[in-house]
Amino acid sequence: MRIASTMSDSIVDGPGLRFTVFTQGCPHHCPGCHNPETHDPAGGREAAVEELAEQMGGNPLTDGLTLSGGDPFLQAEECARLAALAHGQGKNVWTYTGYTWETLTSAGRPDWDALLAQTDVLVDGPFVAARKSYGALFRGSTNQRLINVPASRAAGRVVLWTRPDPLAHFTVPES
């Protein structure tokens, strides 16, 4: 697959410590894009899916794989294979895209469906500079949604992901 780069210890592309793959090629060209060097589909370098999976598995502290870009749906088949390998390593998968959930699910594209089937959380929608927010958890702009993909597929509608409460199972001993 064609990638711009990887980051082995990201803490901003989803919860926990993440192995992030920045795919090469993006049709959206959002004004103010954080990664404009990823737009050219001929840029970057070739990397084998297996090589990326090996790098991802090299750190036992890694919680998940994040597919970013560029737009991973331009290389959906390869990204789906990498995501399946991540799941095989016990990792969760987040996928960032400039497409909306509605566009992806109505396109009738088997490769897009395969990537969605291997995605736990989808961050959808284009970056909109006028809606940029540093307070938007794991997103660049507030129009983008954090979609719980398995729950959305089961419900037949968008179900938003909510951050688990890290103290949910914490109890204070009674004195």
C-alpha atoms as a PDB file:
ATOM      1  CA  MET A   1       0.000   0.000   0.000  1.00  0.00           C
ATOM      2  CA  ARG A   2       1.093   3.604  -0.468  1.00  0.00           C
ATOM      3  CA  ILE A   3       1.713   5.528   2.739  1.00  0.00           C
ATOM      4  CA  ALA A   4       3.037   8.940   3.687  1.00  0.00           C
ATOM      5  CA  SER A   5       4.397   7.822   7.067  1.00  0.00           C
ATOM      6  CA  THR A   6       3.712   6.003  10.310  1.00  0.00           C
ATOM      7  CA  MET A   7       3.790   7.053  13.941  1.00  0.00           C
ATOM      8  CA  SER A   8       4.387   4.314  16.485  1.00  0.00           C
ATOM      9  CA  ASP A   9       3.324   6.190  19.611  1.00  0.00           C
ATOM     10  CA  SER A  10       0.473   8.570  18.858  1.00  0.00           C
ATOM     11  CA  ILE A  11      -1.790   9.721  21.686  1.00  0.00           C
ATOM     12  CA  VAL A  12      -3.971  12.086  19.616  1.00  0.00           C
ATOM     13  CA  ASP A  13      -5.420   9.716  16.985  1.00  0.00           C
ATOM     14  CA  GLY A  14      -7.734   7.812  19.316  1.00  0.00           C
ATOM     15  CA  PRO A  15      -7.564   6.570  22.896  1.00  0.00           C
ATOM     16  CA  GLY A  16      -4.437   5.035  24.362  1.00  0.00           C
ATOM     17  CA  LEU A  17      -1.127   4.512  22.618  1.00  0.00           C
ATOM     18  CA  ARG A  18      -1.695   4.082  18.885  1.00  0.00           C
ATOM     19  CA  PHE A  19       0.169   2.930  15.817  1.00  0.00           C
ATOM     20  CA  THR A  20      -0.961   5.424  13.156  1.00  0.00           C
ATOM     21  CA  VAL A  21      -0.609   4.872   9.425  1.00  0.00           C
ATOM     22  CA  PHE A  22      -0.933   7.997   7.290  1.00  0.00           C
ATOM     23  CA  THR A  23      -2.121   6.730   3.921  1.00  0.00           C
ATOM     24  CA  GLN A  24      -1.139   8.544   0.749  1.00  0.00           C
ATOM     25  CA  GLY A  25      -3.767  10.075  -1.527  1.00  0.00           C
ATOM     26  CA  CYS A  26      -6.800  12.207  -0.736  1.00  0.00           C
ATOM     27  CA  PRO A  27      -9.537  13.515  -3.038  1.00  0.00           C
ATOM     28  CA  HIS A  28     -11.008  15.949  -0.498  1.00  0.00           C
ATOM     29  CA  HIS A  29      -8.269  18.636  -0.368  1.00  0.00           C
ATOM     30  CA  CYS A  30      -9.886  20.278   2.667  1.00  0.00           C
ATOM     31  CA  PRO A  31      -8.739  23.901   3.084  1.00  0.00           C
ATOM     32  CA  GLY A  32      -6.516  24.026   6.170  1.00  0.00           C
ATOM     33  CA  CYS A  33      -5.791  20.277   6.073  1.00  0.00           C
ATOM     34  CA  HIS A  34      -3.268  19.169   8.711  1.00  0.00           C
ATOM     35  CA  ASN A  35      -1.610  16.713   6.276  1.00  0.00           C
ATOM     36  CA  PRO A  36      -1.592  18.335   2.794  1.00  0.00           C
ATOM     37  CA  GLU A  37       1.524  16.356   1.847  1.00  0.00           C
ATOM     38  CA  THR A  38      -0.678  13.235   1.781  1.00  0.00           C
ATOM     39  CA  HIS A  39      -3.000  14.499  -0.984  1.00  0.00           C
ATOM     40  CA  ASP A  40      -0.964  13.348  -4.004  1.00  0.00           C
ATOM     41  CA  PRO A  41      -1.748   9.654  -4.615  1.00  0.00           C
ATOM     42  CA  ALA A  42       1.668   9.237  -6.279  1.00  0.00           C
ATOM     43  CA  GLY A  43       3.561  10.640  -3.263  1.00  0.00           C
ATOM     44  CA  GLY A  44       4.849   8.816  -0.237  1.00  0.00           C
ATOM     45  CA  ARG A  45       6.286   5.320  -0.391  1.00  0.00           C
ATOM     46  CA  GLU A  46       5.175   1.743  -0.828  1.00  0.00           C
ATOM     47  CA  ALA A  47       4.881  -0.415   2.286  1.00  0.00           C
ATOM     48  CA  ALA A  48       3.760  -4.014   2.605  1.00  0.00           C
ATOM     49  CA  VAL A  49       0.733  -4.602   4.818  1.00  0.00           C
ATOM     50  CA  GLU A  50       2.628  -7.361   6.624  1.00  0.00           C
ATOM     51  CA  GLU A  51       5.572  -5.011   7.290  1.00  0.00           C
ATOM     52  CA  LEU A  52       3.223  -2.472   8.869  1.00  0.00           C
ATOM     53  CA  ALA A  53       1.549  -5.167  10.965  1.00  0.00           C
ATOM     54  CA  GLU A  54       4.945  -6.319  12.219  1.00  0.00           C
ATOM     55  CA  GLN A  55       5.897  -2.753  13.190  1.00  0.00           C
ATOM     56  CA  MET A  56       2.535  -2.323  14.937  1.00  0.00           C
ATOM     57  CA  GLY A  57       3.009  -5.542  16.896  1.00  0.00           C
ATOM     58  CA  GLY A  58       6.508  -4.551  18.008  1.00  0.00           C
ATOM     59  CA  ASN A  59       5.290  -2.523  20.977  1.00  0.00           C
ATOM     60  CA  PRO A  60       3.231  -4.490  23.528  1.00  0.00           C
ATOM     61  CA  LEU A  61       1.887  -1.202  24.951  1.00  0.00           C
ATOM     62  CA  THR A  62       0.119  -0.256  21.706  1.00  0.00           C
ATOM     63  CA  ASP A  63      -3.667  -0.192  22.209  1.00  0.00           C
ATOM     64  CA  GLY A  64      -4.766   0.246  18.630  1.00  0.00           C
ATOM     65  CA  LEU A  65      -4.283   1.027  14.989  1.00  0.00           C
ATOM     66  CA  THR A  66      -5.351   4.346  13.506  1.00  0.00           C
ATOM     67  CA  LEU A  67      -5.749   4.659   9.753  1.00  0.00           C
ATOM     68  CA  SER A  68      -5.468   8.297   8.764  1.00  0.00           C
ATOM     69  CA  GLY A  69      -4.314  10.114   5.730  1.00  0.00           C
ATOM     70  CA  GLY A  70      -4.787  11.049   3.108  1.00  0.00           C
ATOM     71  CA  ASP A  71      -7.962   9.041   3.044  1.00  0.00           C
ATOM     72  CA  PRO A  72      -7.755   5.335   3.899  1.00  0.00           C
ATOM     73  CA  PHE A  73     -10.811   4.591   1.749  1.00  0.00           C
ATOM     74  CA  LEU A  74      -8.708   5.231  -1.374  1.00  0.00           C
ATOM     75  CA  GLN A  75      -6.828   2.062  -0.385  1.00  0.00           C
ATOM     76  CA  ALA A  76      -9.681   0.366   1.403  1.00  0.00           C
ATOM     77  CA  GLU A  77      -8.744  -3.213   0.509  1.00  0.00           C
ATOM     78  CA  GLU A  78      -5.205  -2.896   1.865  1.00  0.00           C
ATOM     79  CA  CYS A  79      -6.374  -0.953   4.918  1.00  0.00           C
ATOM     80  CA  ALA A  80      -8.989  -3.629   5.646  1.00  0.00           C
ATOM     81  CA  ARG A  81      -6.252  -6.289   5.546  1.00  0.00           C
ATOM     82  CA  LEU A  82      -4.084  -4.282   7.950  1.00  0.00           C
ATOM     83  CA  ALA A  83      -7.066  -3.657  10.235  1.00  0.00           C
ATOM     84  CA  ALA A  84      -7.843  -7.390  10.311  1.00  0.00           C
ATOM     85  CA  LEU A  85      -4.233  -8.075  11.338  1.00  0.00           C
ATOM     86  CA  ALA A  86      -4.559  -5.421  14.064  1.00  0.00           C
ATOM     87  CA  HIS A  87      -7.689  -7.126  15.376  1.00  0.00           C
ATOM     88  CA  GLY A  88      -5.748 -10.402  15.326  1.00  0.00           C
ATOM     89  CA  GLN A  89      -3.219  -8.728  17.639  1.00  0.00           C
ATOM     90  CA  GLY A  90      -6.033  -7.694  20.012  1.00  0.00           C
ATOM     91  CA  LYS A  91      -5.941  -4.044  18.980  1.00  0.00           C
ATOM     92  CA  ASN A  92      -8.857  -1.744  18.194  1.00  0.00           C
ATOM     93  CA  VAL A  93      -9.069   0.117  14.877  1.00  0.00           C
ATOM     94  CA  TRP A  94      -9.964   3.750  14.228  1.00  0.00           C
ATOM     95  CA  THR A  95     -10.335   5.050  10.678  1.00  0.00           C
ATOM     96  CA  TYR A  96     -10.353   8.730   9.686  1.00  0.00           C
ATOM     97  CA  THR A  97     -12.032   9.765   6.432  1.00  0.00           C
ATOM     98  CA  GLY A  98     -13.291  12.855   4.659  1.00  0.00           C
ATOM     99  CA  TYR A  99     -16.298  10.861   3.455  1.00  0.00           C
ATOM    100  CA  THR A 100     -19.440  10.732   5.582  1.00  0.00           C
ATOM    101  CA  TRP A 101     -20.911   7.537   7.003  1.00  0.00           C
ATOM    102  CA  GLU A 102     -23.909   7.990   4.719  1.00  0.00           C
ATOM    103  CA  THR A 103     -21.703   8.182   1.602  1.00  0.00           C
ATOM    104  CA  LEU A 104     -19.630   5.177   2.631  1.00  0.00           C
ATOM    105  CA  THR A 105     -22.570   2.937   3.500  1.00  0.00           C
ATOM    106  CA  SER A 106     -24.633   3.789   0.423  1.00  0.00           C
ATOM    107  CA  ALA A 107     -21.840   3.482  -2.152  1.00  0.00           C
ATOM    108  CA  GLY A 108     -22.215  -0.260  -2.693  1.00  0.00           C
ATOM    109  CA  ARG A 109     -18.448  -0.729  -2.789  1.00  0.00           C
ATOM    110  CA  PRO A 110     -17.241  -4.072  -1.409  1.00  0.00           C
ATOM    111  CA  ASP A 111     -13.798  -2.637  -0.568  1.00  0.00           C
ATOM    112  CA  TRP A 112     -15.339   0.200   1.486  1.00  0.00           C
ATOM    113  CA  ASP A 113     -17.674  -2.284   3.190  1.00  0.00           C
ATOM    114  CA  ALA A 114     -14.667  -4.486   4.050  1.00  0.00           C
ATOM    115  CA  LEU A 115     -12.841  -1.578   5.682  1.00  0.00           C
ATOM    116  CA  LEU A 116     -15.944  -0.531   7.612  1.00  0.00           C
ATOM    117  CA  ALA A 117     -16.342  -4.138   8.816  1.00  0.00           C
ATOM    118  CA  GLN A 118     -12.804  -3.947  10.272  1.00  0.00           C
ATOM    119  CA  THR A 119     -13.253  -0.477  11.814  1.00  0.00           C
ATOM    120  CA  ASP A 120     -14.299  -0.010  15.429  1.00  0.00           C
ATOM    121  CA  VAL A 121     -14.586   3.790  15.351  1.00  0.00           C
ATOM    122  CA  LEU A 122     -14.984   5.910  12.227  1.00  0.00           C
ATOM    123  CA  VAL A 123     -14.119   9.590  12.339  1.00  0.00           C
ATOM    124  CA  ASP A 124     -16.111  10.860   9.372  1.00  0.00           C
ATOM    125  CA  GLY A 125     -16.513  14.028   7.388  1.00  0.00           C
ATOM    126  CA  PRO A 126     -14.204  16.604   5.889  1.00  0.00           C
ATOM    127  CA  PHE A 127     -12.125  18.956   7.986  1.00  0.00           C
ATOM    128  CA  VAL A 128     -13.902  22.341   8.053  1.00  0.00           C
ATOM    129  CA  ALA A 129     -11.528  25.133   9.052  1.00  0.00           C
ATOM    130  CA  ALA A 130     -14.388  27.370  10.266  1.00  0.00           C
ATOM    131  CA  ARG A 131     -15.362  24.612  12.716  1.00  0.00           C
ATOM    132  CA  LYS A 132     -11.829  23.824  13.887  1.00  0.00           C
ATOM    133  CA  SER A 133     -11.726  23.152  17.608  1.00  0.00           C
ATOM    134  CA  TYR A 134      -8.938  22.103  19.930  1.00  0.00           C
ATOM    135  CA  GLY A 135     -11.651  20.844  22.266  1.00  0.00           C
ATOM    136  CA  ALA A 136     -13.117  18.390  19.739  1.00  0.00           C
ATOM    137  CA  LEU A 137     -11.968  15.054  21.135  1.00  0.00           C
ATOM    138  CA  PHE A 138      -9.868  13.166  18.544  1.00  0.00           C
ATOM    139  CA  ARG A 139     -11.218  15.400  15.740  1.00  0.00           C
ATOM    140  CA  GLY A 140     -10.020  18.463  13.891  1.00  0.00           C
ATOM    141  CA  SER A 141     -13.401  20.129  13.463  1.00  0.00           C
ATOM    142  CA  THR A 142     -16.727  19.831  15.244  1.00  0.00           C
ATOM    143  CA  ASN A 143     -18.633  18.627  12.163  1.00  0.00           C
ATOM    144  CA  GLN A 144     -16.718  15.350  12.268  1.00  0.00           C
ATOM    145  CA  ARG A 145     -18.347  12.485  14.140  1.00  0.00           C
ATOM    146  CA  LEU A 146     -16.894   9.658  16.224  1.00  0.00           C
ATOM    147  CA  ILE A 147     -19.031   6.736  15.050  1.00  0.00           C
ATOM    148  CA  ASN A 148     -19.214   3.402  16.843  1.00  0.00           C
ATOM    149  CA  VAL A 149     -19.200   1.253  13.708  1.00  0.00           C
ATOM    150  CA  PRO A 150     -20.295  -2.137  15.120  1.00  0.00           C
ATOM    151  CA  ALA A 151     -23.186  -0.518  17.035  1.00  0.00           C
ATOM    152  CA  SER A 152     -24.172   1.565  13.999  1.00  0.00           C
ATOM    153  CA  ARG A 153     -24.196  -1.461  11.704  1.00  0.00           C
ATOM    154  CA  ALA A 154     -26.317  -3.405  14.199  1.00  0.00           C
ATOM    155  CA  ALA A 155     -28.773  -0.520  14.712  1.00  0.00           C
ATOM    156  CA  GLY A 156     -28.998   0.481  11.049  1.00  0.00           C
ATOM    157  CA  ARG A 157     -28.318   4.092  12.015  1.00  0.00           C
ATOM    158  CA  VAL A 158     -25.411   6.190  13.271  1.00  0.00           C
ATOM    159  CA  VAL A 159     -24.504   5.479  16.890  1.00  0.00           C
ATOM    160  CA  LEU A 160     -21.879   7.838  18.240  1.00  0.00           C
ATOM    161  CA  TRP A 161     -18.873   6.544  20.173  1.00  0.00           C
ATOM    162  CA  THR A 162     -18.554   7.776  23.710  1.00  0.00           C
ATOM    163  CA  ARG A 163     -15.361   7.701  25.678  1.00  0.00           C
ATOM    164  CA  PRO A 164     -15.506   5.063  28.409  1.00  0.00           C
ATOM    165  CA  ASP A 165     -15.302   6.387  31.931  1.00  0.00           C
ATOM    166  CA  PRO A 166     -11.934   5.186  33.272  1.00  0.00           C
ATOM    167  CA  LEU A 167     -13.332   5.238  36.797  1.00  0.00           C
ATOM    168  CA  ALA A 168     -16.518   3.309  35.998  1.00  0.00           C
ATOM    169  CA  HIS A 169     -15.300   0.174  37.786  1.00  0.00           C
ATOM    170  CA  PHE A 170     -13.547   2.001  40.578  1.00  0.00           C
ATOM    171  CA  THR A 171     -15.183   1.662  43.958  1.00  0.00           C
ATOM    172  CA  VAL A 172     -14.301   3.368  47.177  1.00  0.00           C
ATOM    173  CA  PRO A 173     -14.112   0.998  50.116  1.00  0.00           C
ATOM    174  CA  GLU A 174     -16.570   1.788  52.834  1.00  0.00           C
ATOM    175  CA  SER A 175     -15.014   2.643  56.161  1.00  0.00           C
END
